[in-house]
C-alpha atoms as a PDB file:
ATOM      1  CA  MET A   1       0.159  -0.042  -0.028  1.00  0.00           C
ATOM      2  CA  LYS A   2       1.504   3.401  -1.034  1.00  0.00           C
ATOM      3  CA  GLN A   3       1.496   6.390   1.328  1.00  0.00           C
ATOM      4  CA  ILE A   4      -0.912   8.987   0.651  1.00  0.00           C
ATOM      5  CA  PHE A   5       1.490  11.606   2.086  1.00  0.00           C
ATOM      6  CA  ASN A   6       4.553  11.241  -0.281  1.00  0.00           C
ATOM      7  CA  LEU A   7       6.535  13.711  -2.214  1.00  0.00           C
ATOM      8  CA  PRO A   8       4.311  13.792  -5.308  1.00  0.00           C
ATOM      9  CA  ASN A   9       1.079  14.360  -3.278  1.00  0.00           C
ATOM     10  CA  SER A  10       2.761  16.867  -1.168  1.00  0.00           C
ATOM     11  CA  LEU A  11       3.826  18.958  -4.299  1.00  0.00           C
ATOM     12  CA  THR A  12       0.198  18.645  -5.455  1.00  0.00           C
ATOM     13  CA  ALA A  13      -0.834  20.153  -2.179  1.00  0.00           C
ATOM     14  CA  PHE A  14       1.574  22.891  -2.447  1.00  0.00           C
ATOM     15  CA  ARG A  15       0.441  24.031  -5.638  1.00  0.00           C
ATOM     16  CA  PHE A  16      -3.012  24.280  -4.003  1.00  0.00           C
ATOM     17  CA  ALA A  17      -1.514  26.392  -1.384  1.00  0.00           C
ATOM     18  CA  LEU A  18       0.223  28.720  -3.819  1.00  0.00           C
ATOM     19  CA  VAL A  19      -3.412  29.545  -5.280  1.00  0.00           C
ATOM     20  CA  PRO A  20      -4.462  32.204  -2.593  1.00  0.00           C
ATOM     21  CA  VAL A  21      -0.975  33.723  -2.837  1.00  0.00           C
ATOM     22  CA  LEU A  22      -1.388  34.028  -6.473  1.00  0.00           C
ATOM     23  CA  ILE A  23      -4.736  35.644  -5.877  1.00  0.00           C
ATOM     24  CA  VAL A  24      -3.396  38.274  -3.413  1.00  0.00           C
ATOM     25  CA  LEU A  25      -0.577  39.177  -5.759  1.00  0.00           C
ATOM     26  CA  PHE A  26      -3.296  39.636  -8.587  1.00  0.00           C
ATOM     27  CA  SER A  27      -5.592  41.618  -6.357  1.00  0.00           C
ATOM     28  CA  ILE A  28      -3.065  44.365  -5.071  1.00  0.00           C
ATOM     29  CA  GLN A  29      -1.779  47.399  -6.912  1.00  0.00           C
ATOM     30  CA  GLN A  30       0.213  46.090 -10.063  1.00  0.00           C
ATOM     31  CA  THR A  31       3.717  47.166 -10.044  1.00  0.00           C
ATOM     32  CA  THR A  32       6.855  45.430 -11.654  1.00  0.00           C
ATOM     33  CA  VAL A  33       7.742  43.743  -8.362  1.00  0.00           C
ATOM     34  CA  VAL A  34       4.155  42.614  -7.812  1.00  0.00           C
ATOM     35  CA  GLU A  35       4.038  41.273 -11.423  1.00  0.00           C
ATOM     36  CA  MET A  36       7.313  39.447 -11.032  1.00  0.00           C
ATOM     37  CA  ALA A  37       6.463  37.954  -7.645  1.00  0.00           C
ATOM     38  CA  ALA A  38       3.056  36.680  -9.189  1.00  0.00           C
ATOM     39  CA  PHE A  39       5.017  35.332 -12.131  1.00  0.00           C
ATOM     40  CA  CYS A  40       7.334  33.638  -9.935  1.00  0.00           C
ATOM     41  CA  VAL A  41       4.734  32.076  -7.791  1.00  0.00           C
ATOM     42  CA  PHE A  42       2.975  30.780 -10.833  1.00  0.00           C
ATOM     43  CA  MET A  43       5.952  29.456 -12.463  1.00  0.00           C
ATOM     44  CA  ILE A  44       6.978  27.455  -9.086  1.00  0.00           C
ATOM     45  CA  ALA A  45       3.333  26.081  -9.168  1.00  0.00           C
ATOM     46  CA  ALA A  46       3.518  25.165 -12.667  1.00  0.00           C
ATOM     47  CA  LEU A  47       6.891  23.452 -12.207  1.00  0.00           C
ATOM     48  CA  THR A  48       5.602  21.297  -9.306  1.00  0.00           C
ATOM     49  CA  ASP A  49       3.068  20.024 -11.990  1.00  0.00           C
ATOM     50  CA  LEU A  50       6.044  18.635 -13.632  1.00  0.00           C
ATOM     51  CA  VAL A  51       7.877  17.440 -11.044  1.00  0.00           C
ATOM     52  CA  ASP A  52       5.085  15.562  -9.055  1.00  0.00           C
ATOM     53  CA  GLY A  53       4.368  13.476 -11.971  1.00  0.00           C
ATOM     54  CA  TRP A  54       7.821  12.474 -12.706  1.00  0.00           C
ATOM     55  CA  VAL A  55       8.641  11.749  -9.215  1.00  0.00           C
ATOM     56  CA  ALA A  56       5.442   9.766  -8.839  1.00  0.00           C
ATOM     57  CA  ARG A  57       6.399   7.403 -11.945  1.00  0.00           C
ATOM     58  CA  LYS A  58       9.985   7.265 -11.432  1.00  0.00           C
ATOM     59  CA  TYR A  59       9.677   6.107  -7.716  1.00  0.00           C
ATOM     60  CA  GLU A  60       6.621   4.288  -8.237  1.00  0.00           C
ATOM     61  CA  LEU A  61       4.607   6.658  -5.825  1.00  0.00           C
ATOM     62  CA  VAL A  62       1.696   6.966  -8.007  1.00  0.00           C
ATOM     63  CA  THR A  63      -1.751   6.908  -5.865  1.00  0.00           C
ATOM     64  CA  ILE A  64      -5.269   7.148  -6.792  1.00  0.00           C
ATOM     65  CA  LEU A  65      -5.523  10.240  -4.722  1.00  0.00           C
ATOM     66  CA  GLY A  66      -2.622  11.658  -6.688  1.00  0.00           C
ATOM     67  CA  LYS A  67      -4.250  10.495 -10.150  1.00  0.00           C
ATOM     68  CA  LEU A  68      -7.455  12.629  -9.072  1.00  0.00           C
ATOM     69  CA  MET A  69      -6.063  15.572  -6.968  1.00  0.00           C
ATOM     70  CA  ASP A  70      -3.129  16.385  -9.563  1.00  0.00           C
ATOM     71  CA  PRO A  71      -5.262  17.306 -12.325  1.00  0.00           C
ATOM     72  CA  LEU A  72      -7.546  19.320 -10.096  1.00  0.00           C
ATOM     73  CA  ALA A  73      -4.577  21.218  -8.765  1.00  0.00           C
ATOM     74  CA  ASP A  74      -3.731  22.099 -12.405  1.00  0.00           C
ATOM     75  CA  LYS A  75      -7.190  23.184 -12.903  1.00  0.00           C
ATOM     76  CA  VAL A  76      -7.572  25.456  -9.932  1.00  0.00           C
ATOM     77  CA  LEU A  77      -4.057  27.135 -10.938  1.00  0.00           C
ATOM     78  CA  VAL A  78      -4.824  27.736 -14.423  1.00  0.00           C
ATOM     79  CA  SER A  79      -8.303  28.937 -13.680  1.00  0.00           C
ATOM     80  CA  THR A  80      -7.140  31.371 -11.120  1.00  0.00           C
ATOM     81  CA  ALA A  81      -4.618  32.678 -13.554  1.00  0.00           C
ATOM     82  CA  LEU A  82      -7.179  33.153 -16.134  1.00  0.00           C
ATOM     83  CA  ILE A  83      -9.953  34.661 -13.963  1.00  0.00           C
ATOM     84  CA  MET A  84      -7.547  37.186 -12.325  1.00  0.00           C
ATOM     85  CA  LEU A  85      -5.939  38.383 -15.684  1.00  0.00           C
ATOM     86  CA  ILE A  86      -9.603  39.490 -16.999  1.00  0.00           C
ATOM     87  CA  PRO A  87      -9.580  42.654 -14.942  1.00  0.00           C
ATOM     88  CA  LEU A  88      -6.046  43.409 -15.732  1.00  0.00           C
ATOM     89  CA  GLY A  89      -7.053  43.411 -19.394  1.00  0.00           C
ATOM     90  CA  ARG A  90      -4.628  40.513 -20.282  1.00  0.00           C
ATOM     91  CA  MET A  91      -7.512  37.897 -20.845  1.00  0.00           C
ATOM     92  CA  GLU A  92     -10.435  37.746 -22.652  1.00  0.00           C
ATOM     93  CA  ALA A  93     -13.477  36.472 -20.634  1.00  0.00           C
ATOM     94  CA  TRP A  94     -14.930  34.249 -23.412  1.00  0.00           C
ATOM     95  CA  VAL A  95     -11.611  32.388 -23.765  1.00  0.00           C
ATOM     96  CA  CYS A  96     -11.464  32.130 -19.955  1.00  0.00           C
ATOM     97  CA  LEU A  97     -15.107  30.900 -19.887  1.00  0.00           C
ATOM     98  CA  LEU A  98     -14.571  28.171 -22.482  1.00  0.00           C
ATOM     99  CA  ILE A  99     -11.363  26.956 -20.925  1.00  0.00           C
ATOM    100  CA  ILE A 100     -12.853  26.733 -17.432  1.00  0.00           C
ATOM    101  CA  THR A 101     -16.045  25.126 -18.717  1.00  0.00           C
ATOM    102  CA  ARG A 102     -14.032  22.555 -20.666  1.00  0.00           C
ATOM    103  CA  GLU A 103     -12.219  21.831 -17.268  1.00  0.00           C
ATOM    104  CA  MET A 104     -15.488  21.241 -15.324  1.00  0.00           C
ATOM    105  CA  ILE A 105     -16.947  19.015 -17.881  1.00  0.00           C
ATOM    106  CA  VAL A 106     -13.625  16.725 -18.118  1.00  0.00           C
ATOM    107  CA  THR A 107     -13.531  16.648 -14.233  1.00  0.00           C
ATOM    108  CA  GLY A 108     -17.125  15.646 -14.397  1.00  0.00           C
ATOM    109  CA  PHE A 109     -16.194  12.872 -16.830  1.00  0.00           C
ATOM    110  CA  ARG A 110     -13.502  11.859 -14.489  1.00  0.00           C
ATOM    111  CA  GLY A 111     -15.734  11.920 -11.397  1.00  0.00           C
ATOM    112  CA  LEU A 112     -18.304   9.744 -13.254  1.00  0.00           C
ATOM    113  CA  ALA A 113     -15.512   7.232 -14.298  1.00  0.00           C
ATOM    114  CA  ALA A 114     -14.274   7.197 -10.763  1.00  0.00           C
ATOM    115  CA  SER A 115     -17.678   6.243  -9.209  1.00  0.00           C
ATOM    116  CA  SER A 116     -17.731   3.433 -11.855  1.00  0.00           C
ATOM    117  CA  GLY A 117     -14.390   2.302 -10.536  1.00  0.00           C
ATOM    118  CA  ILE A 118     -12.391   3.661 -13.479  1.00  0.00           C
ATOM    119  CA  VAL A 119      -9.497   5.932 -12.702  1.00  0.00           C
ATOM    120  CA  VAL A 120      -8.454   8.290 -15.668  1.00  0.00           C
ATOM    121  CA  ALA A 121      -5.079   9.898 -15.577  1.00  0.00           C
ATOM    122  CA  ALA A 122      -4.166  12.711 -17.926  1.00  0.00           C
ATOM    123  CA  ASP A 123      -3.214  11.670 -21.293  1.00  0.00           C
ATOM    124  CA  GLN A 124      -0.652  13.190 -23.562  1.00  0.00           C
ATOM    125  CA  LEU A 125      -3.084  15.633 -25.418  1.00  0.00           C
ATOM    126  CA  GLY A 126      -4.023  16.898 -21.978  1.00  0.00           C
ATOM    127  CA  LYS A 127      -0.313  17.341 -21.067  1.00  0.00           C
ATOM    128  CA  TYR A 128       0.280  19.460 -24.202  1.00  0.00           C
ATOM    129  CA  LYS A 129      -2.685  21.618 -23.471  1.00  0.00           C
ATOM    130  CA  SER A 130      -1.257  22.222 -19.968  1.00  0.00           C
ATOM    131  CA  ASN A 131       2.091  23.285 -21.271  1.00  0.00           C
ATOM    132  CA  PHE A 132       0.585  25.831 -23.787  1.00  0.00           C
ATOM    133  CA  GLN A 133      -1.550  26.978 -20.895  1.00  0.00           C
ATOM    134  CA  TYR A 134       1.637  27.334 -18.536  1.00  0.00           C
ATOM    135  CA  PHE A 135       3.606  29.041 -21.377  1.00  0.00           C
ATOM    136  CA  GLY A 136       0.972  31.437 -22.541  1.00  0.00           C
ATOM    137  CA  LEU A 137       0.059  32.364 -18.844  1.00  0.00           C
ATOM    138  CA  GLY A 138       3.650  32.965 -18.126  1.00  0.00           C
ATOM    139  CA  PHE A 139       3.999  35.495 -21.056  1.00  0.00           C
ATOM    140  CA  LEU A 140       0.611  37.151 -19.762  1.00  0.00           C
ATOM    141  CA  ILE A 141       1.827  37.395 -16.118  1.00  0.00           C
ATOM    142  CA  PHE A 142       5.537  38.588 -16.730  1.00  0.00           C
ATOM    143  CA  PRO A 143       5.964  42.011 -16.144  1.00  0.00           C
ATOM    144  CA  LYS A 144       5.644  43.865 -19.595  1.00  0.00           C
ATOM    145  CA  ASP A 145       8.284  46.580 -18.745  1.00  0.00           C
ATOM    146  CA  LEU A 146      10.882  44.450 -17.551  1.00  0.00           C
ATOM    147  CA  LEU A 147      12.235  43.067 -20.647  1.00  0.00           C
ATOM    148  CA  ASN A 148      10.237  45.106 -23.265  1.00  0.00           C
ATOM    149  CA  LEU A 149       9.737  41.840 -25.026  1.00  0.00           C
ATOM    150  CA  PRO A 150       7.749  42.824 -28.513  1.00  0.00           C
ATOM    151  CA  TYR A 151       4.401  41.313 -28.725  1.00  0.00           C
ATOM    152  CA  GLN A 152       4.582  39.723 -25.328  1.00  0.00           C
ATOM    153  CA  TYR A 153       0.939  39.665 -24.463  1.00  0.00           C
ATOM    154  CA  GLU A 154       0.064  38.602 -28.229  1.00  0.00           C
ATOM    155  CA  ILE A 155       2.427  35.590 -27.859  1.00  0.00           C
ATOM    156  CA  GLY A 156       0.797  34.515 -24.605  1.00  0.00           C
ATOM    157  CA  MET A 157      -2.519  34.976 -26.096  1.00  0.00           C
ATOM    158  CA  VAL A 158      -1.691  32.980 -29.281  1.00  0.00           C
ATOM    159  CA  LEU A 159      -0.344  30.200 -26.775  1.00  0.00           C
ATOM    160  CA  ILE A 160      -3.718  30.261 -24.906  1.00  0.00           C
ATOM    161  CA  TYR A 161      -5.666  30.063 -28.185  1.00  0.00           C
ATOM    162  CA  ILE A 162      -3.663  26.912 -28.959  1.00  0.00           C
ATOM    163  CA  SER A 163      -4.245  25.498 -25.539  1.00  0.00           C
ATOM    164  CA  LEU A 164      -8.055  26.149 -26.012  1.00  0.00           C
ATOM    165  CA  ILE A 165      -8.142  24.173 -29.402  1.00  0.00           C
ATOM    166  CA  LEU A 166      -6.223  21.274 -27.521  1.00  0.00           C
ATOM    167  CA  ALA A 167      -8.601  21.630 -24.708  1.00  0.00           C
ATOM    168  CA  ILE A 168     -11.610  20.997 -26.986  1.00  0.00           C
ATOM    169  CA  TRP A 169      -9.889  18.228 -28.828  1.00  0.00           C
ATOM    170  CA  SER A 170      -8.827  16.387 -25.601  1.00  0.00           C
ATOM    171  CA  ALA A 171     -12.482  16.943 -24.212  1.00  0.00           C
ATOM    172  CA  ILE A 172     -13.753  15.180 -27.104  1.00  0.00           C
ATOM    173  CA  GLU A 173     -11.304  12.382 -26.671  1.00  0.00           C
ATOM    174  CA  TYR A 174     -12.244  11.972 -23.267  1.00  0.00           C
ATOM    175  CA  PHE A 175     -15.775  11.789 -23.926  1.00  0.00           C
ATOM    176  CA  TYR A 176     -15.280   9.374 -26.598  1.00  0.00           C
ATOM    177  CA  LYS A 177     -12.966   7.166 -24.185  1.00  0.00           C
ATOM    178  CA  LEU A 178     -15.383   7.149 -21.584  1.00  0.00           C
ATOM    179  CA  ARG A 179     -18.508   6.754 -23.487  1.00  0.00           C
ATOM    180  CA  THR A 180     -19.330   3.471 -22.129  1.00  0.00           C
ATOM    181  CA  ILE A 181     -20.015   4.954 -18.665  1.00  0.00           C
ATOM    182  CA  PHE A 182     -22.804   7.189 -20.348  1.00  0.00           C
ATOM    183  CA  THR A 183     -24.398   4.267 -22.176  1.00  0.00           C
ATOM    184  CA  ASN A 184     -23.900   1.216 -19.494  1.00  0.00           C
ATOM    185  CA  PRO A 185     -26.843   1.078 -17.423  1.00  0.00           C
ATOM    186  CA  ASP A 186     -24.988  -0.224 -14.522  1.00  0.00           C
END
């Protein structure tokens, strides 16, 4: 029996714990220092997503709790960043709504599957989607005045649009893979 309180699950919990910090940083007066702090917190949280899965697989610490909570932590982190960027004029609300709606639907699919005894881990397409989201959000969160990167926010939004396409595509794949739980009366 694997321990629930292992390094990968602790990293997932840490990602959840960074979300309120990110909310506070987005909620206060935006200065270069605050934006840089928000960027650092977001990137640390995003990196825990890469590390926790790698550690879990490498050291055979994969748990059912981790399979369920890791994607949820990712969704909470990404949703927080998306929503908090709207009032700053860096995110379009409709894009945020579509991404979050997709995340709720896929989480619902996973929950339904789990109630049928099926645990669905993130697939490769979902991982690509997450990476595009992380990089896109990184561009949108990073202080614009710090490096004077031309088209910084535009690059961020292109990456977010790509992640949106991948998100919709992967949701369709989840539905297809789990179609039997919708048609099976048991």
